[in-house]
Amino acid sequence: MSDRLDEFGDAAVVLVTFTRPRNLRGFRRQLGLAYPVVTDETRSTYRAYGLGRGSWRRVWGFRAVRGYARLLRRGKWPHFPTGDTLQLGGDFIVDSEGQVAYAHPSTGPDDRPAVDELLAVLRAIR
């Protein structure tokens, strides 16, 4: 997504993580993120958006192993997580009125909407 960030225009793109605040700078640098990253150690935001925990099998099953193998084939060394790997994330678009206009709670680490889908929602609510 970072390579298409300019397509989001004036929309604020923010990543919420539950890492410790002291880890944020390294987290952003390691992932090469050009947008803000904030931390929610208590995971109150995760609960407010209904983001639960995945099963060990879903998070670390065949799909995850296949994803890591794909990275290795491309010559990229994967960044293995060190935190709670069962906490599920999601993608949300909140409109200018503060209402959730789009919600995609992930069912696993590889369950993300396409950037084109997010951009289509943004265009529709503008």
Protein backbone atom coordinates (compact mmCIF):
# COMPACT_ATOMS: atom_id res chain seq x y z
CA MET A 1 0.00 0.00 0.00
CA SER A 2 2.84 2.41 0.73
CA ASP A 3 3.66 2.63 -2.98
CA ARG A 4 0.09 3.87 -3.65
CA LEU A 5 -0.28 6.18 -0.67
CA ASP A 6 -0.63 9.29 -2.84
CA GLU A 7 -3.86 7.83 -4.28
CA PHE A 8 -5.52 8.24 -0.87
CA GLY A 9 -5.38 12.02 -1.27
CA ASP A 10 -6.31 13.89 1.88
CA ALA A 11 -7.49 10.76 3.71
CA ALA A 12 -5.53 10.02 6.87
CA VAL A 13 -3.95 6.57 6.74
CA VAL A 14 -2.97 5.33 10.20
CA LEU A 15 -1.75 1.97 11.39
CA VAL A 16 -2.75 0.95 14.92
CA THR A 17 -0.59 -1.64 16.64
CA PHE A 18 -0.29 -2.95 20.18
CA THR A 19 3.49 -2.80 20.34
CA ARG A 20 5.11 -0.84 23.13
CA PRO A 21 5.52 2.88 22.42
CA ARG A 22 9.32 2.57 22.58
CA ASN A 23 9.17 0.16 19.62
CA LEU A 24 7.25 2.44 17.24
CA ARG A 25 10.21 4.10 15.53
CA GLY A 26 11.90 0.77 14.78
CA PHE A 27 8.57 -0.77 13.74
CA ARG A 28 7.98 1.99 11.17
CA ARG A 29 11.56 1.81 9.90
CA GLN A 30 11.57 -1.99 9.65
CA LEU A 31 8.35 -2.03 7.63
CA GLY A 32 9.21 1.09 5.62
CA LEU A 33 5.96 2.85 6.49
CA ALA A 34 5.40 6.40 5.27
CA TYR A 35 2.28 7.00 7.35
CA PRO A 36 1.66 7.38 11.08
CA VAL A 37 1.74 4.40 13.41
CA VAL A 38 0.14 4.63 16.84
CA THR A 39 0.12 2.13 19.65
CA ASP A 40 -2.75 0.72 21.67
CA GLU A 41 -1.11 -1.49 24.27
CA THR A 42 -4.40 -2.11 26.07
CA ARG A 43 -6.07 -3.08 22.75
CA SER A 44 -9.13 -0.99 23.55
CA THR A 45 -9.32 0.07 19.90
CA TYR A 46 -9.17 -3.55 18.82
CA ARG A 47 -12.07 -4.40 21.15
CA ALA A 48 -14.07 -1.32 20.06
CA TYR A 49 -13.81 -2.45 16.43
CA GLY A 50 -14.68 -6.05 17.30
CA LEU A 51 -11.28 -7.49 16.46
CA GLY A 52 -10.81 -10.81 18.20
CA ARG A 53 -8.17 -13.47 18.25
CA GLY A 54 -7.51 -16.08 15.62
CA SER A 55 -6.92 -19.74 16.18
CA TRP A 56 -3.36 -21.02 16.16
CA ARG A 57 -4.16 -23.17 13.13
CA ARG A 58 -5.60 -20.24 11.13
CA VAL A 59 -2.81 -17.84 12.00
CA TRP A 60 0.13 -20.26 11.64
CA GLY A 61 -1.36 -22.83 9.28
CA PHE A 62 -0.65 -23.66 5.66
CA ARG A 63 -1.54 -20.21 4.29
CA ALA A 64 0.97 -18.48 6.57
CA VAL A 65 3.73 -20.94 5.72
CA ARG A 66 2.95 -20.49 2.01
CA GLY A 67 3.16 -16.70 2.45
CA TYR A 68 6.58 -16.93 4.09
CA ALA A 69 7.77 -19.30 1.35
CA ARG A 70 6.61 -16.78 -1.28
CA LEU A 71 8.68 -14.05 0.38
CA LEU A 72 11.75 -16.27 0.49
CA ARG A 73 11.38 -17.12 -3.21
CA ARG A 74 11.40 -13.38 -3.96
CA GLY A 75 14.64 -13.04 -2.03
CA LYS A 76 13.01 -11.24 0.90
CA TRP A 77 13.71 -12.38 4.41
CA PRO A 78 10.43 -12.29 6.34
CA HIS A 79 10.11 -10.35 9.58
CA PHE A 80 8.90 -12.93 12.02
CA PRO A 81 6.55 -11.43 14.60
CA THR A 82 7.56 -11.23 18.22
CA GLY A 83 4.28 -10.12 19.80
CA ASP A 84 0.89 -11.75 20.18
CA THR A 85 0.51 -13.40 16.81
CA LEU A 86 -3.08 -14.48 17.45
CA GLN A 87 -4.46 -10.93 17.72
CA LEU A 88 -6.39 -10.25 14.54
CA GLY A 89 -6.33 -6.90 12.79
CA GLY A 90 -8.56 -5.23 10.29
CA ASP A 91 -9.00 -2.40 7.83
CA PHE A 92 -11.50 0.37 8.46
CA ILE A 93 -12.54 3.61 6.81
CA VAL A 94 -14.09 6.22 9.06
CA ASP A 95 -15.91 9.06 7.30
CA SER A 96 -15.69 12.77 8.12
CA GLU A 97 -18.64 12.40 10.53
CA GLY A 98 -16.81 9.76 12.54
CA GLN A 99 -18.96 6.89 11.26
CA VAL A 100 -17.44 3.61 10.10
CA ALA A 101 -18.02 3.60 6.35
CA TYR A 102 -16.12 0.38 5.70
CA ALA A 103 -15.10 -2.49 7.94
CA HIS A 104 -12.97 -5.50 7.10
CA PRO A 105 -12.12 -7.43 10.28
CA SER A 106 -9.43 -9.91 9.28
CA THR A 107 -9.89 -13.64 9.74
CA GLY A 108 -6.13 -14.22 9.59
CA PRO A 109 -2.83 -12.49 8.86
CA ASP A 110 -3.24 -12.84 5.10
CA ASP A 111 -6.83 -11.57 4.99
CA ARG A 112 -6.54 -7.99 3.76
CA PRO A 113 -8.70 -6.05 1.32
CA ALA A 114 -7.20 -4.91 -1.95
CA VAL A 115 -6.03 -1.30 -2.10
CA ASP A 116 -8.40 -0.78 -5.04
CA GLU A 117 -11.32 -1.80 -2.80
CA LEU A 118 -10.32 0.73 -0.13
CA LEU A 119 -9.91 3.47 -2.74
CA ALA A 120 -13.35 2.70 -4.23
CA VAL A 121 -14.96 3.15 -0.81
CA LEU A 122 -13.13 6.44 -0.30
CA ARG A 123 -14.31 7.72 -3.69
CA ALA A 124 -17.89 6.70 -2.88
CA ILE A 125 -18.04 8.57 0.45
CA ARG A 126 -16.38 11.78 -0.78
